[in-house]
Amino acid sequence: MKLLAALSICSLSFLVTVEGNPEPCESPKLLEGQMSSFNMTKGTGEFAKFAYDAVQKRIYALTTALFGGEKGQVVDIKLYQESVQYTFYLANRTCVKQPLQVPFEPIRVPDNAKFLSQMYVGSSASPREGLLANVWIVEGDSGFCVMTFTEYGCLPLSFLYRGSKDSGLNLDSFVDLTYGISDPNVFKPPAECLQQN
């Protein structure tokens, strides 16, 4: 899958002084919620409802294009243990089945991430006005990723990243996260997908 826009951090957060740095962490193994993805270079935006299962290594997303790119809703089901991905286009009920040739990556702060800062998203004035978050960066030859996770629970809040010059600058933001999978059937491909060889 896919964390934090520098502008949103600067305008919506309050910097906190910490003694010692937080340790890298891993998000809960069963998680669902909503996310928005924007490619600022290409001018595209999407909204998705997703389910993430790190136990059985599978991801489901129902994505709706907001602007730019292809219009309509698409269901993506990635089954890493079976090395297969299904992309189902709801408008014309067609399915594309293809090999999944990348390894499953858990939602986490990698061990090689560098801690940048700890801050409140919102306000620290009252216990219910803000969310304590940690900001990390991973840099490599081909790009970078600035990621923000909650201090408690290690929930992803946002990723700001560039994988390569061609991929552009991307921002993924996560909201309405809940533990567990309310409907495990979302990982079952639609009948149209199962009819393919």
N, C-alpha and C. Protein backbone atom coordinates (compact mmCIF):
# COMPACT_ATOMS: atom_id res chain seq x y z
N MET A 1 0.84 -0.77 0.00
CA MET A 1 0.00 0.00 0.00
C MET A 1 0.80 0.73 0.00
N LYS A 2 0.60 2.40 -0.03
CA LYS A 2 1.08 3.44 0.74
C LYS A 2 1.46 4.05 1.64
N LEU A 3 4.04 9.52 4.01
CA LEU A 3 2.68 9.65 4.45
C LEU A 3 2.28 11.00 5.05
N LEU A 4 2.87 11.97 5.07
CA LEU A 4 2.36 13.19 5.70
C LEU A 4 2.75 14.39 4.87
N ALA A 5 1.83 15.29 4.64
CA ALA A 5 2.12 16.51 3.88
C ALA A 5 2.77 17.52 4.80
N ALA A 6 3.88 18.03 4.37
CA ALA A 6 4.60 18.99 5.19
C ALA A 6 3.73 20.20 5.51
N LEU A 7 2.92 20.61 4.56
CA LEU A 7 2.06 21.76 4.81
C LEU A 7 1.04 21.48 5.90
N SER A 8 0.45 20.28 5.88
CA SER A 8 -0.56 19.98 6.90
C SER A 8 0.09 19.84 8.27
N ILE A 9 1.32 19.35 8.33
CA ILE A 9 2.01 19.26 9.61
C ILE A 9 2.26 20.67 10.16
N CYS A 10 2.77 21.51 9.29
CA CYS A 10 3.13 22.86 9.74
C CYS A 10 1.92 23.66 10.18
N SER A 11 0.80 23.49 9.51
CA SER A 11 -0.35 24.32 9.83
C SER A 11 -1.28 23.70 10.86
N LEU A 12 -1.25 22.38 11.04
CA LEU A 12 -2.21 21.75 11.93
C LEU A 12 -1.60 21.14 13.18
N SER A 13 -0.30 21.23 13.37
CA SER A 13 0.34 20.50 14.45
C SER A 13 1.11 21.41 15.38
N PHE A 14 1.31 20.90 16.58
CA PHE A 14 2.05 21.62 17.60
C PHE A 14 3.23 20.76 18.00
N LEU A 15 4.45 21.26 17.89
CA LEU A 15 5.65 20.50 18.17
C LEU A 15 5.79 20.26 19.66
N VAL A 16 6.21 19.03 20.02
CA VAL A 16 6.35 18.64 21.41
C VAL A 16 7.80 18.25 21.66
N THR A 17 8.31 18.60 22.81
CA THR A 17 9.66 18.20 23.19
C THR A 17 9.59 16.81 23.81
N VAL A 18 10.47 15.90 23.34
CA VAL A 18 10.47 14.54 23.87
C VAL A 18 11.82 14.19 24.43
N GLU A 19 11.81 13.37 25.47
CA GLU A 19 13.05 12.83 26.00
C GLU A 19 13.29 11.50 25.33
N GLY A 20 14.32 11.40 24.51
CA GLY A 20 14.57 10.16 23.78
C GLY A 20 13.62 10.02 22.61
N ASN A 21 14.05 9.24 21.65
CA ASN A 21 13.24 9.05 20.45
C ASN A 21 12.34 7.83 20.58
N PRO A 22 11.15 7.89 19.99
CA PRO A 22 10.29 6.70 19.93
C PRO A 22 10.96 5.61 19.10
N GLU A 23 10.54 4.39 19.29
CA GLU A 23 11.06 3.25 18.52
C GLU A 23 10.15 3.02 17.31
N PRO A 24 10.73 2.51 16.19
CA PRO A 24 9.87 2.12 15.07
C PRO A 24 8.81 1.12 15.55
N CYS A 25 7.66 1.13 14.89
CA CYS A 25 6.54 0.30 15.35
C CYS A 25 5.82 -0.30 14.15
N GLU A 26 4.92 -1.24 14.44
CA GLU A 26 4.09 -1.87 13.40
C GLU A 26 2.63 -1.67 13.76
N SER A 27 1.82 -1.36 12.76
CA SER A 27 0.39 -1.15 12.95
C SER A 27 -0.30 -2.46 13.31
N PRO A 28 -1.52 -2.37 13.85
CA PRO A 28 -2.27 -3.59 14.14
C PRO A 28 -2.38 -4.48 12.90
N LYS A 29 -2.41 -5.77 13.11
CA LYS A 29 -2.40 -6.73 12.00
C LYS A 29 -3.73 -6.79 11.25
N LEU A 30 -4.81 -6.39 11.88
CA LEU A 30 -6.12 -6.34 11.23
C LEU A 30 -6.67 -4.93 11.39
N LEU A 31 -6.90 -4.28 10.27
CA LEU A 31 -7.25 -2.86 10.30
C LEU A 31 -8.14 -2.55 9.10
N GLU A 32 -9.10 -1.65 9.31
CA GLU A 32 -9.85 -1.14 8.17
C GLU A 32 -10.15 0.34 8.40
N GLY A 33 -10.45 1.01 7.31
CA GLY A 33 -10.70 2.44 7.40
C GLY A 33 -10.85 3.05 6.03
N GLN A 34 -10.55 4.34 5.96
CA GLN A 34 -10.65 5.08 4.71
C GLN A 34 -9.36 5.83 4.47
N MET A 35 -9.06 6.07 3.22
CA MET A 35 -7.87 6.83 2.88
C MET A 35 -8.10 7.66 1.63
N SER A 36 -7.37 8.74 1.55
CA SER A 36 -7.35 9.54 0.33
C SER A 36 -5.92 9.54 -0.19
N SER A 37 -5.80 9.51 -1.51
CA SER A 37 -4.49 9.50 -2.17
C SER A 37 -4.47 10.58 -3.23
N PHE A 38 -3.45 11.40 -3.17
CA PHE A 38 -3.29 12.48 -4.14
C PHE A 38 -1.90 12.43 -4.74
N ASN A 39 -1.83 12.54 -6.07
CA ASN A 39 -0.56 12.69 -6.75
C ASN A 39 -0.49 14.15 -7.18
N MET A 40 0.31 14.92 -6.46
CA MET A 40 0.35 16.36 -6.71
C MET A 40 1.03 16.71 -8.02
N THR A 41 1.87 15.83 -8.53
CA THR A 41 2.54 16.08 -9.80
C THR A 41 1.60 15.84 -10.98
N LYS A 42 0.83 14.75 -10.90
CA LYS A 42 -0.07 14.38 -12.00
C LYS A 42 -1.46 14.99 -11.87
N GLY A 43 -1.78 15.54 -10.70
CA GLY A 43 -3.09 16.15 -10.50
C GLY A 43 -4.22 15.15 -10.40
N THR A 44 -3.97 14.01 -9.74
CA THR A 44 -5.01 13.01 -9.57
C THR A 44 -5.32 12.83 -8.09
N GLY A 45 -6.56 12.42 -7.81
CA GLY A 45 -6.96 12.18 -6.43
C GLY A 45 -7.95 11.04 -6.36
N GLU A 46 -7.82 10.22 -5.31
CA GLU A 46 -8.70 9.08 -5.11
C GLU A 46 -9.11 8.98 -3.65
N PHE A 47 -10.24 8.36 -3.42
CA PHE A 47 -10.72 8.06 -2.07
C PHE A 47 -10.97 6.56 -2.02
N ALA A 48 -10.59 5.91 -0.93
CA ALA A 48 -10.78 4.46 -0.85
C ALA A 48 -11.22 4.03 0.54
N LYS A 49 -12.07 3.01 0.57
CA LYS A 49 -12.35 2.26 1.78
C LYS A 49 -11.47 1.02 1.69
N PHE A 50 -10.79 0.67 2.79
CA PHE A 50 -9.86 -0.44 2.69
C PHE A 50 -9.95 -1.37 3.90
N ALA A 51 -9.49 -2.60 3.68
CA ALA A 51 -9.33 -3.59 4.73
C ALA A 51 -7.93 -4.17 4.58
N TYR A 52 -7.22 -4.29 5.70
CA TYR A 52 -5.82 -4.72 5.71
C TYR A 52 -5.68 -5.89 6.68
N ASP A 53 -5.19 -7.01 6.16
CA ASP A 53 -5.03 -8.23 6.95
C ASP A 53 -3.58 -8.69 6.83
N ALA A 54 -2.77 -8.37 7.84
CA ALA A 54 -1.37 -8.77 7.82
C ALA A 54 -1.19 -10.22 8.26
N VAL A 55 -2.21 -10.81 8.85
CA VAL A 55 -2.13 -12.21 9.28
C VAL A 55 -2.15 -13.11 8.04
N GLN A 56 -3.14 -12.91 7.16
CA GLN A 56 -3.25 -13.71 5.94
C GLN A 56 -2.67 -12.99 4.72
N LYS A 57 -2.03 -11.87 4.94
CA LYS A 57 -1.34 -11.10 3.89
C LYS A 57 -2.26 -10.81 2.71
N ARG A 58 -3.24 -9.95 2.97
CA ARG A 58 -4.19 -9.57 1.92
C ARG A 58 -4.70 -8.16 2.18
N ILE A 59 -5.04 -7.48 1.08
CA ILE A 59 -5.52 -6.10 1.14
C ILE A 59 -6.70 -5.94 0.18
N TYR A 60 -7.72 -5.26 0.65
CA TYR A 60 -8.90 -4.94 -0.16
C TYR A 60 -9.05 -3.42 -0.20
N ALA A 61 -9.41 -2.88 -1.36
CA ALA A 61 -9.70 -1.45 -1.46
C ALA A 61 -10.81 -1.22 -2.48
N LEU A 62 -11.79 -0.42 -2.08
CA LEU A 62 -12.84 0.07 -2.99
C LEU A 62 -12.51 1.54 -3.24
N THR A 63 -12.02 1.83 -4.44
CA THR A 63 -11.48 3.14 -4.76
C THR A 63 -12.41 3.91 -5.69
N THR A 64 -12.58 5.20 -5.39
CA THR A 64 -13.35 6.10 -6.23
C THR A 64 -12.45 7.25 -6.65
N ALA A 65 -12.37 7.50 -7.95
CA ALA A 65 -11.58 8.63 -8.45
C ALA A 65 -12.28 9.93 -8.09
N LEU A 66 -11.53 10.87 -7.51
CA LEU A 66 -12.09 12.17 -7.15
C LEU A 66 -11.90 13.18 -8.27
N PHE A 67 -10.71 13.19 -8.86
CA PHE A 67 -10.43 14.08 -9.99
C PHE A 67 -9.18 13.57 -10.71
N GLY A 68 -9.08 13.92 -12.01
CA GLY A 68 -7.97 13.42 -12.82
C GLY A 68 -8.07 11.91 -12.98
N GLY A 69 -7.33 11.34 -13.88
CA GLY A 69 -7.30 9.88 -14.04
C GLY A 69 -8.63 9.31 -14.49
N GLU A 70 -8.75 7.97 -14.37
CA GLU A 70 -9.96 7.28 -14.78
C GLU A 70 -11.09 7.53 -13.79
N LYS A 71 -12.30 7.67 -14.30
CA LYS A 71 -13.48 7.88 -13.45
C LYS A 71 -14.08 6.54 -13.08
N GLY A 72 -14.87 6.54 -12.01
CA GLY A 72 -15.58 5.33 -11.62
C GLY A 72 -14.99 4.68 -10.40
N GLN A 73 -15.61 3.55 -10.00
CA GLN A 73 -15.18 2.81 -8.83
C GLN A 73 -14.49 1.53 -9.25
N VAL A 74 -13.45 1.19 -8.49
CA VAL A 74 -12.66 0.00 -8.76
C VAL A 74 -12.43 -0.74 -7.45
N VAL A 75 -12.58 -2.07 -7.49
CA VAL A 75 -12.25 -2.91 -6.35
C VAL A 75 -10.91 -3.58 -6.64
N ASP A 76 -9.97 -3.41 -5.73
CA ASP A 76 -8.67 -4.10 -5.83
C ASP A 76 -8.57 -5.08 -4.68
N ILE A 77 -8.24 -6.32 -5.00
CA ILE A 77 -8.02 -7.35 -3.99
C ILE A 77 -6.64 -7.94 -4.24
N LYS A 78 -5.75 -7.78 -3.28
CA LYS A 78 -4.40 -8.32 -3.39
C LYS A 78 -4.25 -9.46 -2.40
N LEU A 79 -4.01 -10.66 -2.94
CA LEU A 79 -3.86 -11.86 -2.13
C LEU A 79 -2.40 -12.32 -2.23
N TYR A 80 -1.58 -11.86 -1.30
CA TYR A 80 -0.14 -12.08 -1.39
C TYR A 80 0.25 -13.54 -1.21
N GLN A 81 -0.45 -14.30 -0.39
CA GLN A 81 -0.12 -15.71 -0.21
C GLN A 81 -0.38 -16.52 -1.47
N GLU A 82 -1.31 -16.04 -2.29
CA GLU A 82 -1.61 -16.70 -3.57
C GLU A 82 -0.90 -16.02 -4.74
N SER A 83 -0.20 -14.92 -4.48
CA SER A 83 0.52 -14.15 -5.50
C SER A 83 -0.38 -13.72 -6.65
N VAL A 84 -1.58 -13.23 -6.30
CA VAL A 84 -2.53 -12.81 -7.34
C VAL A 84 -3.23 -11.52 -6.91
N GLN A 85 -3.55 -10.70 -7.91
CA GLN A 85 -4.30 -9.46 -7.70
C GLN A 85 -5.48 -9.43 -8.65
N TYR A 86 -6.64 -9.04 -8.11
CA TYR A 86 -7.85 -8.88 -8.91
C TYR A 86 -8.21 -7.40 -8.92
N THR A 87 -8.48 -6.87 -10.10
CA THR A 87 -8.97 -5.51 -10.26
C THR A 87 -10.33 -5.59 -10.95
N PHE A 88 -11.36 -5.18 -10.21
CA PHE A 88 -12.73 -5.32 -10.69
C PHE A 88 -13.33 -3.94 -10.92
N TYR A 89 -13.75 -3.66 -12.17
CA TYR A 89 -14.32 -2.38 -12.55
C TYR A 89 -15.83 -2.47 -12.41
N LEU A 90 -16.39 -1.73 -11.45
CA LEU A 90 -17.81 -1.84 -11.15
C LEU A 90 -18.71 -1.35 -12.28
N ALA A 91 -18.30 -0.33 -13.01
CA ALA A 91 -19.16 0.26 -14.05
C ALA A 91 -19.54 -0.76 -15.12
N ASN A 92 -18.56 -1.54 -15.60
CA ASN A 92 -18.86 -2.50 -16.67
C ASN A 92 -18.71 -3.95 -16.20
N ARG A 93 -18.49 -4.14 -14.90
CA ARG A 93 -18.40 -5.46 -14.27
C ARG A 93 -17.38 -6.36 -14.95
N THR A 94 -16.22 -5.79 -15.27
CA THR A 94 -15.13 -6.57 -15.84
C THR A 94 -14.03 -6.72 -14.80
N CYS A 95 -13.27 -7.78 -14.95
CA CYS A 95 -12.23 -8.09 -13.98
C CYS A 95 -10.91 -8.36 -14.69
N VAL A 96 -9.83 -7.90 -14.10
CA VAL A 96 -8.49 -8.21 -14.58
C VAL A 96 -7.78 -8.96 -13.46
N LYS A 97 -7.31 -10.15 -13.79
CA LYS A 97 -6.54 -10.97 -12.85
C LYS A 97 -5.09 -10.95 -13.31
N GLN A 98 -4.19 -10.67 -12.39
CA GLN A 98 -2.78 -10.62 -12.77
C GLN A 98 -1.91 -11.13 -11.63
N PRO A 99 -0.71 -11.58 -11.96
CA PRO A 99 0.20 -12.05 -10.91
C PRO A 99 0.61 -10.89 -10.01
N LEU A 100 0.75 -11.18 -8.74
CA LEU A 100 1.22 -10.20 -7.77
C LEU A 100 2.67 -10.55 -7.47
N GLN A 101 3.59 -9.76 -7.99
CA GLN A 101 5.00 -10.12 -7.96
C GLN A 101 5.82 -9.31 -6.98
N VAL A 102 5.16 -8.65 -6.05
CA VAL A 102 5.88 -7.91 -5.01
C VAL A 102 5.56 -8.54 -3.66
N PRO A 103 6.49 -8.48 -2.71
CA PRO A 103 6.21 -9.08 -1.40
C PRO A 103 5.24 -8.23 -0.59
N PHE A 104 4.54 -8.87 0.32
CA PHE A 104 3.64 -8.16 1.23
C PHE A 104 4.48 -7.26 2.15
N GLU A 105 4.07 -6.02 2.29
CA GLU A 105 4.75 -5.07 3.19
C GLU A 105 3.78 -4.67 4.28
N PRO A 106 4.08 -4.99 5.53
CA PRO A 106 3.18 -4.56 6.60
C PRO A 106 3.19 -3.05 6.75
N ILE A 107 2.09 -2.51 7.28
CA ILE A 107 2.04 -1.08 7.57
C ILE A 107 2.86 -0.88 8.84
N ARG A 108 3.97 -0.19 8.71
CA ARG A 108 4.89 -0.04 9.85
C ARG A 108 5.88 1.08 9.60
N VAL A 109 6.58 1.43 10.65
CA VAL A 109 7.73 2.32 10.54
C VAL A 109 8.93 1.40 10.36
N PRO A 110 9.61 1.44 9.22
CA PRO A 110 10.74 0.54 9.00
C PRO A 110 11.88 0.80 9.98
N ASP A 111 12.69 -0.22 10.20
CA ASP A 111 13.82 -0.11 11.13
C ASP A 111 14.82 0.96 10.70
N ASN A 112 14.93 1.21 9.39
CA ASN A 112 15.89 2.20 8.90
C ASN A 112 15.32 3.62 8.85
N ALA A 113 14.10 3.82 9.37
CA ALA A 113 13.49 5.15 9.37
C ALA A 113 14.17 6.03 10.40
N LYS A 114 14.30 7.28 10.07
CA LYS A 114 14.90 8.27 10.98
C LYS A 114 13.78 9.08 11.63
N PHE A 115 13.80 9.15 12.95
CA PHE A 115 12.79 9.92 13.68
C PHE A 115 13.02 11.41 13.44
N LEU A 116 11.95 12.15 13.08
CA LEU A 116 12.05 13.59 12.84
C LEU A 116 11.51 14.40 14.01
N SER A 117 10.27 14.11 14.42
CA SER A 117 9.69 14.90 15.50
C SER A 117 8.43 14.22 16.04
N GLN A 118 8.03 14.71 17.20
CA GLN A 118 6.76 14.28 17.79
C GLN A 118 5.91 15.53 17.93
N MET A 119 4.62 15.41 17.63
CA MET A 119 3.75 16.59 17.63
C MET A 119 2.31 16.19 17.86
N TYR A 120 1.51 17.16 18.18
CA TYR A 120 0.07 16.95 18.28
C TYR A 120 -0.58 17.38 16.97
N VAL A 121 -1.40 16.53 16.41
CA VAL A 121 -2.25 16.91 15.30
C VAL A 121 -3.49 17.50 15.96
N GLY A 122 -3.73 18.76 15.74
CA GLY A 122 -4.79 19.47 16.46
C GLY A 122 -4.14 20.33 17.53
N SER A 123 -4.59 20.17 18.77
CA SER A 123 -4.10 21.00 19.87
C SER A 123 -3.72 20.13 21.06
N SER A 124 -2.76 20.61 21.84
CA SER A 124 -2.39 19.93 23.09
C SER A 124 -3.02 20.61 24.29
N ALA A 125 -3.90 21.59 24.06
CA ALA A 125 -4.48 22.37 25.14
C ALA A 125 -5.43 21.56 26.02
N SER A 126 -6.08 20.56 25.43
CA SER A 126 -7.03 19.73 26.16
C SER A 126 -6.87 18.29 25.69
N PRO A 127 -7.08 17.32 26.57
CA PRO A 127 -6.86 15.92 26.19
C PRO A 127 -7.66 15.45 24.97
N ARG A 128 -8.79 16.05 24.69
CA ARG A 128 -9.60 15.59 23.57
C ARG A 128 -9.49 16.48 22.33
N GLU A 129 -8.52 17.37 22.30
CA GLU A 129 -8.38 18.28 21.17
C GLU A 129 -7.24 17.92 20.23
N GLY A 130 -6.46 16.90 20.57
CA GLY A 130 -5.33 16.58 19.72
C GLY A 130 -4.95 15.12 19.77
N LEU A 131 -4.10 14.74 18.84
CA LEU A 131 -3.63 13.38 18.71
C LEU A 131 -2.11 13.40 18.65
N LEU A 132 -1.46 12.72 19.57
CA LEU A 132 0.00 12.69 19.62
C LEU A 132 0.53 11.78 18.50
N ALA A 133 1.42 12.31 17.69
CA ALA A 133 1.92 11.59 16.52
C ALA A 133 3.43 11.71 16.39
N ASN A 134 4.03 10.71 15.76
CA ASN A 134 5.46 10.70 15.48
C ASN A 134 5.68 10.79 13.97
N VAL A 135 6.66 11.59 13.58
CA VAL A 135 6.98 11.78 12.16
C VAL A 135 8.34 11.16 11.89
N TRP A 136 8.41 10.36 10.83
CA TRP A 136 9.61 9.63 10.45
C TRP A 136 9.92 9.88 8.98
N ILE A 137 11.18 9.63 8.59
CA ILE A 137 11.55 9.71 7.18
C ILE A 137 12.42 8.52 6.82
N VAL A 138 12.20 8.01 5.62
CA VAL A 138 13.05 6.99 5.01
C VAL A 138 13.51 7.56 3.69
N GLU A 139 14.82 7.58 3.49
CA GLU A 139 15.37 8.11 2.24
C GLU A 139 16.14 7.01 1.53
N GLY A 140 16.07 7.02 0.21
CA GLY A 140 16.79 6.03 -0.59
C GLY A 140 17.27 6.66 -1.88
N ASP A 141 17.93 5.85 -2.69
CA ASP A 141 18.45 6.35 -3.96
C ASP A 141 17.35 6.82 -4.90
N SER A 142 16.20 6.14 -4.84
CA SER A 142 15.14 6.46 -5.80
C SER A 142 14.09 7.42 -5.26
N GLY A 143 14.12 7.75 -3.97
CA GLY A 143 13.10 8.64 -3.45
C GLY A 143 13.11 8.73 -1.94
N PHE A 144 11.95 9.13 -1.38
CA PHE A 144 11.84 9.30 0.07
C PHE A 144 10.40 9.05 0.49
N CYS A 145 10.22 8.86 1.79
CA CYS A 145 8.89 8.75 2.35
C CYS A 145 8.89 9.38 3.74
N VAL A 146 8.05 10.39 3.93
CA VAL A 146 7.84 10.99 5.25
C VAL A 146 6.54 10.40 5.76
N MET A 147 6.59 9.75 6.92
CA MET A 147 5.41 9.05 7.43
C MET A 147 5.08 9.51 8.83
N THR A 148 3.79 9.58 9.10
CA THR A 148 3.31 9.98 10.42
C THR A 148 2.42 8.87 10.96
N PHE A 149 2.74 8.44 12.19
CA PHE A 149 1.97 7.40 12.88
C PHE A 149 1.58 7.92 14.25
N THR A 150 0.47 7.43 14.79
CA THR A 150 0.09 7.80 16.14
C THR A 150 1.12 7.25 17.12
N GLU A 151 1.35 7.98 18.19
CA GLU A 151 2.26 7.53 19.24
C GLU A 151 1.71 6.27 19.91
N TYR A 152 0.43 6.25 20.15
CA TYR A 152 -0.21 5.11 20.81
C TYR A 152 -0.99 4.32 19.77
N GLY A 153 -0.67 3.06 19.62
CA GLY A 153 -1.36 2.20 18.66
C GLY A 153 -0.66 2.06 17.32
N CYS A 154 0.27 2.95 17.01
CA CYS A 154 1.03 2.90 15.75
C CYS A 154 0.09 2.88 14.54
N LEU A 155 -0.91 3.75 14.56
CA LEU A 155 -1.84 3.84 13.43
C LEU A 155 -1.30 4.83 12.40
N PRO A 156 -1.39 4.50 11.11
CA PRO A 156 -0.90 5.43 10.09
C PRO A 156 -1.82 6.64 9.97
N LEU A 157 -1.23 7.80 9.86
CA LEU A 157 -1.99 9.03 9.63
C LEU A 157 -1.77 9.55 8.22
N SER A 158 -0.50 9.56 7.79
CA SER A 158 -0.23 10.04 6.43
C SER A 158 1.15 9.60 5.97
N PHE A 159 1.29 9.51 4.64
CA PHE A 159 2.57 9.26 3.97
C PHE A 159 2.73 10.32 2.89
N LEU A 160 3.86 10.96 2.85
CA LEU A 160 4.23 11.87 1.76
C LEU A 160 5.44 11.23 1.11
N TYR A 161 5.36 10.88 -0.18
CA TYR A 161 6.45 10.12 -0.76
C TYR A 161 6.64 10.39 -2.25
N ARG A 162 7.85 10.09 -2.66
CA ARG A 162 8.21 10.08 -4.08
C ARG A 162 9.05 8.83 -4.27
N GLY A 163 8.53 7.89 -5.08
CA GLY A 163 9.26 6.64 -5.32
C GLY A 163 10.33 6.80 -6.37
N SER A 164 10.05 7.59 -7.36
CA SER A 164 11.00 7.89 -8.43
C SER A 164 10.58 9.21 -9.06
N LYS A 165 11.40 9.75 -9.92
CA LYS A 165 11.04 11.02 -10.57
C LYS A 165 9.76 10.89 -11.38
N ASP A 166 9.54 9.71 -11.97
CA ASP A 166 8.36 9.50 -12.80
C ASP A 166 7.08 9.36 -11.99
N SER A 167 7.19 8.90 -10.74
CA SER A 167 5.98 8.66 -9.94
C SER A 167 5.36 9.94 -9.41
N GLY A 168 6.13 11.00 -9.33
CA GLY A 168 5.62 12.26 -8.82
C GLY A 168 5.56 12.27 -7.30
N LEU A 169 5.06 13.37 -6.76
CA LEU A 169 4.92 13.54 -5.32
C LEU A 169 3.52 13.09 -4.91
N ASN A 170 3.46 12.18 -3.94
CA ASN A 170 2.20 11.57 -3.53
C ASN A 170 1.93 11.81 -2.06
N LEU A 171 0.65 11.93 -1.72
CA LEU A 171 0.22 12.08 -0.34
C LEU A 171 -0.93 11.12 -0.08
N ASP A 172 -0.76 10.22 0.90
CA ASP A 172 -1.82 9.33 1.35
C ASP A 172 -2.19 9.72 2.77
N SER A 173 -3.48 9.89 3.04
CA SER A 173 -3.97 10.23 4.39
C SER A 173 -5.00 9.20 4.82
N PHE A 174 -4.95 8.82 6.10
CA PHE A 174 -5.81 7.76 6.64
C PHE A 174 -6.74 8.32 7.71
N VAL A 175 -8.02 7.89 7.67
CA VAL A 175 -9.02 8.33 8.65
C VAL A 175 -9.95 7.17 8.99
N ASP A 176 -10.71 7.34 10.07
CA ASP A 176 -11.73 6.38 10.49
C ASP A 176 -11.19 4.96 10.61
N LEU A 177 -9.99 4.81 11.18
CA LEU A 177 -9.37 3.50 11.32
C LEU A 177 -10.00 2.74 12.49
N THR A 178 -10.25 1.46 12.27
CA THR A 178 -10.77 0.59 13.33
C THR A 178 -9.99 -0.72 13.32
N TYR A 179 -9.88 -1.32 14.49
CA TYR A 179 -9.21 -2.61 14.62
C TYR A 179 -10.13 -3.71 14.11
N GLY A 180 -9.54 -4.73 13.48
CA GLY A 180 -10.31 -5.88 13.03
C GLY A 180 -10.85 -5.71 11.62
N ILE A 181 -11.46 -6.79 11.14
CA ILE A 181 -12.09 -6.82 9.82
C ILE A 181 -13.57 -7.12 10.03
N SER A 182 -14.44 -6.17 9.74
CA SER A 182 -15.87 -6.36 9.99
C SER A 182 -16.50 -7.38 9.04
N ASP A 183 -16.00 -7.47 7.81
CA ASP A 183 -16.53 -8.41 6.83
C ASP A 183 -15.39 -9.08 6.06
N PRO A 184 -14.96 -10.27 6.50
CA PRO A 184 -13.86 -10.97 5.81
C PRO A 184 -14.19 -11.33 4.35
N ASN A 185 -15.45 -11.29 3.98
CA ASN A 185 -15.84 -11.62 2.60
C ASN A 185 -15.35 -10.60 1.59
N VAL A 186 -14.91 -9.42 2.03
CA VAL A 186 -14.40 -8.44 1.06
C VAL A 186 -13.17 -8.96 0.33
N PHE A 187 -12.48 -9.94 0.93
CA PHE A 187 -11.28 -10.49 0.29
C PHE A 187 -11.60 -11.56 -0.74
N LYS A 188 -12.88 -11.92 -0.89
CA LYS A 188 -13.28 -12.90 -1.89
C LYS A 188 -13.52 -12.18 -3.22
N PRO A 189 -12.84 -12.61 -4.27
CA PRO A 189 -13.03 -11.95 -5.58
C PRO A 189 -14.46 -12.11 -6.06
N PRO A 190 -14.99 -11.11 -6.79
CA PRO A 190 -16.33 -11.22 -7.38
C PRO A 190 -16.39 -12.41 -8.34
N ALA A 191 -17.61 -12.89 -8.60
CA ALA A 191 -17.80 -14.06 -9.47
C ALA A 191 -17.17 -13.84 -10.84
N GLU A 192 -17.24 -12.61 -11.38
CA GLU A 192 -16.66 -12.33 -12.70
C GLU A 192 -15.16 -12.59 -12.72
N CYS A 193 -14.51 -12.40 -11.59
CA CYS A 193 -13.06 -12.63 -11.52
C CYS A 193 -12.75 -14.11 -11.45
N LEU A 194 -13.58 -14.88 -10.80
CA LEU A 194 -13.33 -16.31 -10.64
C LEU A 194 -13.58 -17.09 -11.92
N GLN A 195 -14.28 -16.49 -12.87
CA GLN A 195 -14.53 -17.15 -14.16
C GLN A 195 -13.32 -17.11 -15.06
N GLN A 196 -12.31 -16.31 -14.69
CA GLN A 196 -11.11 -16.21 -15.53
C GLN A 196 -10.16 -17.36 -15.23
N ASN A 197 -9.33 -17.68 -16.21
CA ASN A 197 -8.34 -18.76 -16.02
C ASN A 197 -7.25 -18.33 -15.08
